[in-house]
């Protein structure tokens, strides 16, 4: 599978995003990793194990900012 470069950017709120135009098919939305271990959770939401852990950690910080 040919991969293309993944462009990561930061929005004004500081969250990391990936420009979909530059993302390889099946690439993790968070890390850009292309792997057979990636899982598609919803259309356009493919995550690697590392990407899922990062996303979970970020969600937990938003839901419970003061543990």
PDB file of N, CA and C in Angstrom:
ATOM      1  N   UNK A   1       0.843  -1.176   0.000  1.00  0.00           N
ATOM      2  CA  UNK A   1       0.000   0.000   0.000  1.00  0.00           C
ATOM      3  C   UNK A   1       0.886   1.235   0.000  1.00  0.00           C
ATOM      4  N   UNK A   2       0.610   2.132  -0.865  1.00  0.00           N
ATOM      5  CA  UNK A   2       1.356   3.384  -0.918  1.00  0.00           C
ATOM      6  C   UNK A   2       0.790   4.335   0.120  1.00  0.00           C
ATOM      7  N   UNK A   3       1.680   4.931   0.883  1.00  0.00           N
ATOM      8  CA  UNK A   3       1.230   5.895   1.887  1.00  0.00           C
ATOM      9  C   UNK A   3       1.602   7.291   1.438  1.00  0.00           C
ATOM     10  N   UNK A   4       0.826   8.227   1.894  1.00  0.00           N
ATOM     11  CA  UNK A   4       1.135   9.624   1.615  1.00  0.00           C
ATOM     12  C   UNK A   4       1.501  10.282   2.927  1.00  0.00           C
ATOM     13  N   UNK A   5       2.087  11.427   2.860  1.00  0.00           N
ATOM     14  CA  UNK A   5       2.452  12.135   4.080  1.00  0.00           C
ATOM     15  C   UNK A   5       1.221  12.545   4.851  1.00  0.00           C
ATOM     16  N   UNK A   6       1.328  12.534   6.141  1.00  0.00           N
ATOM     17  CA  UNK A   6       0.233  12.966   6.998  1.00  0.00           C
ATOM     18  C   UNK A   6       0.585  14.344   7.523  1.00  0.00           C
ATOM     19  N   UNK A   7      -0.335  15.259   7.363  1.00  0.00           N
ATOM     20  CA  UNK A   7      -0.109  16.623   7.817  1.00  0.00           C
ATOM     21  C   UNK A   7      -0.853  16.800   9.125  1.00  0.00           C
ATOM     22  N   UNK A   8      -0.098  17.022  10.191  1.00  0.00           N
ATOM     23  CA  UNK A   8      -0.722  17.265  11.492  1.00  0.00           C
ATOM     24  C   UNK A   8      -0.723  18.757  11.722  1.00  0.00           C
ATOM     25  N   UNK A   9      -1.781  19.246  12.300  1.00  0.00           N
ATOM     26  CA  UNK A   9      -1.846  20.667  12.598  1.00  0.00           C
ATOM     27  C   UNK A   9      -2.487  20.865  13.950  1.00  0.00           C
ATOM     28  N   UNK A  10      -2.373  22.034  14.477  1.00  0.00           N
ATOM     29  CA  UNK A  10      -2.964  22.344  15.772  1.00  0.00           C
ATOM     30  C   UNK A  10      -3.968  23.460  15.576  1.00  0.00           C
ATOM     31  N   UNK A  11      -5.169  23.250  16.059  1.00  0.00           N
ATOM     32  CA  UNK A  11      -6.177  24.306  15.959  1.00  0.00           C
ATOM     33  C   UNK A  11      -5.980  25.287  17.110  1.00  0.00           C
ATOM     34  N   UNK A  12      -6.718  26.388  17.127  1.00  0.00           N
ATOM     35  CA  UNK A  12      -6.525  27.397  18.170  1.00  0.00           C
ATOM     36  C   UNK A  12      -6.734  26.875  19.588  1.00  0.00           C
ATOM     37  N   UNK A  13      -7.487  25.802  19.751  1.00  0.00           N
ATOM     38  CA  UNK A  13      -7.721  25.249  21.085  1.00  0.00           C
ATOM     39  C   UNK A  13      -6.592  24.322  21.518  1.00  0.00           C
ATOM     40  N   UNK A  14      -5.670  24.023  20.603  1.00  0.00           N
ATOM     41  CA  UNK A  14      -4.531  23.202  20.950  1.00  0.00           C
ATOM     42  C   UNK A  14      -4.707  21.723  20.684  1.00  0.00           C
ATOM     43  N   UNK A  15      -5.826  21.317  20.137  1.00  0.00           N
ATOM     44  CA  UNK A  15      -6.004  19.903  19.849  1.00  0.00           C
ATOM     45  C   UNK A  15      -5.364  19.572  18.516  1.00  0.00           C
ATOM     46  N   UNK A  16      -4.851  18.348  18.420  1.00  0.00           N
ATOM     47  CA  UNK A  16      -4.164  17.949  17.202  1.00  0.00           C
ATOM     48  C   UNK A  16      -5.178  17.380  16.221  1.00  0.00           C
ATOM     49  N   UNK A  17      -5.046  17.744  14.979  1.00  0.00           N
ATOM     50  CA  UNK A  17      -5.910  17.219  13.934  1.00  0.00           C
ATOM     51  C   UNK A  17      -5.068  16.802  12.751  1.00  0.00           C
ATOM     52  N   UNK A  18      -5.650  16.040  11.875  1.00  0.00           N
ATOM     53  CA  UNK A  18      -4.947  15.590  10.683  1.00  0.00           C
ATOM     54  C   UNK A  18      -5.759  16.014   9.481  1.00  0.00           C
ATOM     55  N   UNK A  19      -5.116  16.623   8.532  1.00  0.00           N
ATOM     56  CA  UNK A  19      -5.785  17.026   7.311  1.00  0.00           C
ATOM     57  C   UNK A  19      -6.172  15.781   6.527  1.00  0.00           C
ATOM     58  N   UNK A  20      -7.459  15.549   6.328  1.00  0.00           N
ATOM     59  CA  UNK A  20      -7.925  14.348   5.648  1.00  0.00           C
ATOM     60  C   UNK A  20      -7.427  14.250   4.214  1.00  0.00           C
ATOM     61  N   UNK A  21      -7.146  15.391   3.561  1.00  0.00           N
ATOM     62  CA  UNK A  21      -6.689  15.350   2.180  1.00  0.00           C
ATOM     63  C   UNK A  21      -5.351  14.649   2.054  1.00  0.00           C
ATOM     64  N   UNK A  22      -4.551  14.653   3.102  1.00  0.00           N
ATOM     65  CA  UNK A  22      -3.208  14.108   3.048  1.00  0.00           C
ATOM     66  C   UNK A  22      -3.066  12.802   3.819  1.00  0.00           C
ATOM     67  N   UNK A  23      -4.161  12.201   4.241  1.00  0.00           N
ATOM     68  CA  UNK A  23      -4.103  10.987   5.043  1.00  0.00           C
ATOM     69  C   UNK A  23      -4.252   9.763   4.148  1.00  0.00           C
ATOM     70  N   UNK A  24      -3.381   8.774   4.345  1.00  0.00           N
ATOM     71  CA  UNK A  24      -3.452   7.532   3.586  1.00  0.00           C
ATOM     72  C   UNK A  24      -4.684   6.740   4.008  1.00  0.00           C
ATOM     73  N   UNK A  25      -5.245   5.991   3.087  1.00  0.00           N
ATOM     74  CA  UNK A  25      -6.398   5.151   3.403  1.00  0.00           C
ATOM     75  C   UNK A  25      -6.010   4.155   4.476  1.00  0.00           C
ATOM     76  N   UNK A  26      -6.825   4.043   5.512  1.00  0.00           N
ATOM     77  CA  UNK A  26      -6.571   3.105   6.597  1.00  0.00           C
ATOM     78  C   UNK A  26      -5.583   3.601   7.628  1.00  0.00           C
ATOM     79  N   UNK A  27      -5.141   4.854   7.495  1.00  0.00           N
ATOM     80  CA  UNK A  27      -4.183   5.415   8.450  1.00  0.00           C
ATOM     81  C   UNK A  27      -4.899   5.841   9.729  1.00  0.00           C
ATOM     82  N   UNK A  28      -4.184   5.725  10.837  1.00  0.00           N
ATOM     83  CA  UNK A  28      -4.716   6.167  12.122  1.00  0.00           C
ATOM     84  C   UNK A  28      -4.952   7.673  12.068  1.00  0.00           C
ATOM     85  N   UNK A  29      -6.109   8.103  12.515  1.00  0.00           N
ATOM     86  CA  UNK A  29      -6.476   9.515  12.493  1.00  0.00           C
ATOM     87  C   UNK A  29      -5.606  10.339  13.439  1.00  0.00           C
ATOM     88  N   UNK A  30      -5.085   9.731  14.495  1.00  0.00           N
ATOM     89  CA  UNK A  30      -4.291  10.460  15.487  1.00  0.00           C
ATOM     90  C   UNK A  30      -2.802  10.441  15.146  1.00  0.00           C
ATOM     91  N   UNK A  31      -2.263   9.259  14.841  1.00  0.00           N
ATOM     92  CA  UNK A  31      -0.815   9.120  14.643  1.00  0.00           C
ATOM     93  C   UNK A  31      -0.394   9.094  13.183  1.00  0.00           C
ATOM     94  N   UNK A  32      -1.316   8.787  12.283  1.00  0.00           N
ATOM     95  CA  UNK A  32      -0.979   8.649  10.873  1.00  0.00           C
ATOM     96  C   UNK A  32      -0.414   7.283  10.526  1.00  0.00           C
ATOM     97  N   UNK A  33      -0.300   6.409  11.513  1.00  0.00           N
ATOM     98  CA  UNK A  33       0.265   5.071  11.316  1.00  0.00           C
ATOM     99  C   UNK A  33      -0.627   4.229  10.409  1.00  0.00           C
ATOM    100  N   UNK A  34      -0.018   3.547   9.459  1.00  0.00           N
ATOM    101  CA  UNK A  34      -0.740   2.622   8.595  1.00  0.00           C
ATOM    102  C   UNK A  34      -0.327   1.226   9.015  1.00  0.00           C
ATOM    103  N   UNK A  35      -1.290   0.418   9.450  1.00  0.00           N
ATOM    104  CA  UNK A  35      -0.990  -0.915   9.956  1.00  0.00           C
ATOM    105  C   UNK A  35      -2.195  -1.825   9.758  1.00  0.00           C
ATOM    106  N   UNK A  36      -1.910  -3.106   9.624  1.00  0.00           N
ATOM    107  CA  UNK A  36      -3.014  -4.067   9.535  1.00  0.00           C
ATOM    108  C   UNK A  36      -3.739  -4.190  10.872  1.00  0.00           C
ATOM    109  N   UNK A  37      -3.118  -3.711  11.947  1.00  0.00           N
ATOM    110  CA  UNK A  37      -3.744  -3.742  13.270  1.00  0.00           C
ATOM    111  C   UNK A  37      -4.673  -2.583  13.541  1.00  0.00           C
ATOM    112  N   UNK A  38      -4.733  -1.607  12.637  1.00  0.00           N
ATOM    113  CA  UNK A  38      -5.633  -0.466  12.821  1.00  0.00           C
ATOM    114  C   UNK A  38      -7.083  -0.932  12.771  1.00  0.00           C
ATOM    115  N   UNK A  39      -7.916  -0.279  13.552  1.00  0.00           N
ATOM    116  CA  UNK A  39      -9.346  -0.611  13.609  1.00  0.00           C
ATOM    117  C   UNK A  39     -10.161   0.598  13.165  1.00  0.00           C
ATOM    118  N   UNK A  40     -11.194   0.325  12.347  1.00  0.00           N
ATOM    119  CA  UNK A  40     -12.102   1.399  11.932  1.00  0.00           C
ATOM    120  C   UNK A  40     -13.299   1.384  12.877  1.00  0.00           C
ATOM    121  N   UNK A  41     -13.435   2.430  13.685  1.00  0.00           N
ATOM    122  CA  UNK A  41     -14.504   2.514  14.676  1.00  0.00           C
ATOM    123  C   UNK A  41     -15.773   3.135  14.112  1.00  0.00           C
ATOM    124  N   UNK A  42     -15.626   3.942  13.086  1.00  0.00           N
ATOM    125  CA  UNK A  42     -16.740   4.582  12.389  1.00  0.00           C
ATOM    126  C   UNK A  42     -16.176   5.053  11.056  1.00  0.00           C
ATOM    127  N   UNK A  43     -17.045   5.359  10.097  1.00  0.00           N
ATOM    128  CA  UNK A  43     -16.521   5.868   8.825  1.00  0.00           C
ATOM    129  C   UNK A  43     -15.624   7.088   9.061  1.00  0.00           C
ATOM    130  N   UNK A  44     -14.380   6.987   8.624  1.00  0.00           N
ATOM    131  CA  UNK A  44     -13.432   8.083   8.789  1.00  0.00           C
ATOM    132  C   UNK A  44     -12.721   8.110  10.129  1.00  0.00           C
ATOM    133  N   UNK A  45     -13.017   7.146  11.017  1.00  0.00           N
ATOM    134  CA  UNK A  45     -12.386   7.103  12.339  1.00  0.00           C
ATOM    135  C   UNK A  45     -11.620   5.798  12.484  1.00  0.00           C
ATOM    136  N   UNK A  46     -10.417   5.784  11.932  1.00  0.00           N
ATOM    137  CA  UNK A  46      -9.530   4.621  12.025  1.00  0.00           C
ATOM    138  C   UNK A  46      -8.445   4.956  13.027  1.00  0.00           C
ATOM    139  N   UNK A  47      -8.212   4.022  13.969  1.00  0.00           N
ATOM    140  CA  UNK A  47      -7.215   4.252  15.007  1.00  0.00           C
ATOM    141  C   UNK A  47      -6.271   3.067  15.139  1.00  0.00           C
ATOM    142  N   UNK A  48      -5.010   3.362  15.404  1.00  0.00           N
ATOM    143  CA  UNK A  48      -4.050   2.340  15.796  1.00  0.00           C
ATOM    144  C   UNK A  48      -4.199   2.162  17.304  1.00  0.00           C
ATOM    145  N   UNK A  49      -3.540   1.164  17.869  1.00  0.00           N
ATOM    146  CA  UNK A  49      -3.596   0.971  19.314  1.00  0.00           C
ATOM    147  C   UNK A  49      -3.028   2.199  20.028  1.00  0.00           C
ATOM    148  N   UNK A  50      -1.921   2.712  19.526  1.00  0.00           N
ATOM    149  CA  UNK A  50      -1.320   3.909  20.123  1.00  0.00           C
ATOM    150  C   UNK A  50      -2.253   5.104  19.992  1.00  0.00           C
ATOM    151  N   UNK A  51      -2.847   5.286  18.824  1.00  0.00           N
ATOM    152  CA  UNK A  51      -3.778   6.387  18.604  1.00  0.00           C
ATOM    153  C   UNK A  51      -4.990   6.298  19.510  1.00  0.00           C
ATOM    154  N   UNK A  52      -5.500   5.078  19.716  1.00  0.00           N
ATOM    155  CA  UNK A  52      -6.653   4.878  20.598  1.00  0.00           C
ATOM    156  C   UNK A  52      -6.292   5.248  22.038  1.00  0.00           C
ATOM    157  N   UNK A  53      -5.083   4.867  22.459  1.00  0.00           N
ATOM    158  CA  UNK A  53      -4.644   5.204  23.826  1.00  0.00           C
ATOM    159  C   UNK A  53      -4.501   6.715  24.000  1.00  0.00           C
ATOM    160  N   UNK A  54      -3.929   7.374  22.998  1.00  0.00           N
ATOM    161  CA  UNK A  54      -3.771   8.826  23.059  1.00  0.00           C
ATOM    162  C   UNK A  54      -5.135   9.498  23.122  1.00  0.00           C
ATOM    163  N   UNK A  55      -6.057   9.081  22.254  1.00  0.00           N
ATOM    164  CA  UNK A  55      -7.395   9.657  22.226  1.00  0.00           C
ATOM    165  C   UNK A  55      -8.120   9.416  23.548  1.00  0.00           C
ATOM    166  N   UNK A  56      -8.024   8.215  24.094  1.00  0.00           N
ATOM    167  CA  UNK A  56      -8.664   7.904  25.373  1.00  0.00           C
ATOM    168  C   UNK A  56      -8.113   8.802  26.477  1.00  0.00           C
ATOM    169  N   UNK A  57      -6.805   8.957  26.512  1.00  0.00           N
ATOM    170  CA  UNK A  57      -6.173   9.808  27.520  1.00  0.00           C
ATOM    171  C   UNK A  57      -6.669  11.253  27.403  1.00  0.00           C
ATOM    172  N   UNK A  58      -6.737  11.769  26.175  1.00  0.00           N
ATOM    173  CA  UNK A  58      -7.202  13.145  25.960  1.00  0.00           C
ATOM    174  C   UNK A  58      -8.670  13.304  26.363  1.00  0.00           C
ATOM    175  N   UNK A  59      -9.488  12.311  26.052  1.00  0.00           N
ATOM    176  CA  UNK A  59     -10.905  12.365  26.445  1.00  0.00           C
ATOM    177  C   UNK A  59     -11.046  12.344  27.962  1.00  0.00           C
ATOM    178  N   UNK A  60     -10.263  11.500  28.619  1.00  0.00           N
ATOM    179  CA  UNK A  60     -10.327  11.431  30.084  1.00  0.00           C
ATOM    180  C   UNK A  60      -9.920  12.756  30.708  1.00  0.00           C
ATOM    181  N   UNK A  61      -8.915  13.428  30.139  1.00  0.00           N
ATOM    182  CA  UNK A  61      -8.505  14.732  30.673  1.00  0.00           C
ATOM    183  C   UNK A  61      -9.618  15.764  30.508  1.00  0.00           C
ATOM    184  N   UNK A  62     -10.361  15.709  29.398  1.00  0.00           N
ATOM    185  CA  UNK A  62     -11.442  16.671  29.164  1.00  0.00           C
ATOM    186  C   UNK A  62     -12.638  16.411  30.076  1.00  0.00           C
ATOM    187  N   UNK A  63     -12.951  15.130  30.312  1.00  0.00           N
ATOM    188  CA  UNK A  63     -14.108  14.770  31.114  1.00  0.00           C
ATOM    189  C   UNK A  63     -13.823  14.984  32.596  1.00  0.00           C
ATOM    190  N   UNK A  64     -12.601  14.679  33.029  1.00  0.00           N
ATOM    191  CA  UNK A  64     -12.230  14.791  34.445  1.00  0.00           C
ATOM    192  C   UNK A  64     -10.907  15.546  34.536  1.00  0.00           C
ATOM    193  N   UNK A  65     -10.941  16.868  34.409  1.00  0.00           N
ATOM    194  CA  UNK A  65      -9.699  17.634  34.364  1.00  0.00           C
ATOM    195  C   UNK A  65      -8.905  17.630  35.668  1.00  0.00           C
ATOM    196  N   UNK A  66      -9.532  17.361  36.793  1.00  0.00           N
ATOM    197  CA  UNK A  66      -8.842  17.339  38.091  1.00  0.00           C
ATOM    198  C   UNK A  66      -9.056  15.984  38.759  1.00  0.00           C
ATOM    199  N   UNK A  67      -8.201  15.002  38.431  1.00  0.00           N
ATOM    200  CA  UNK A  67      -8.406  13.650  38.986  1.00  0.00           C
ATOM    201  C   UNK A  67      -8.242  13.572  40.465  1.00  0.00           C
TER     202      UNK A  67
END
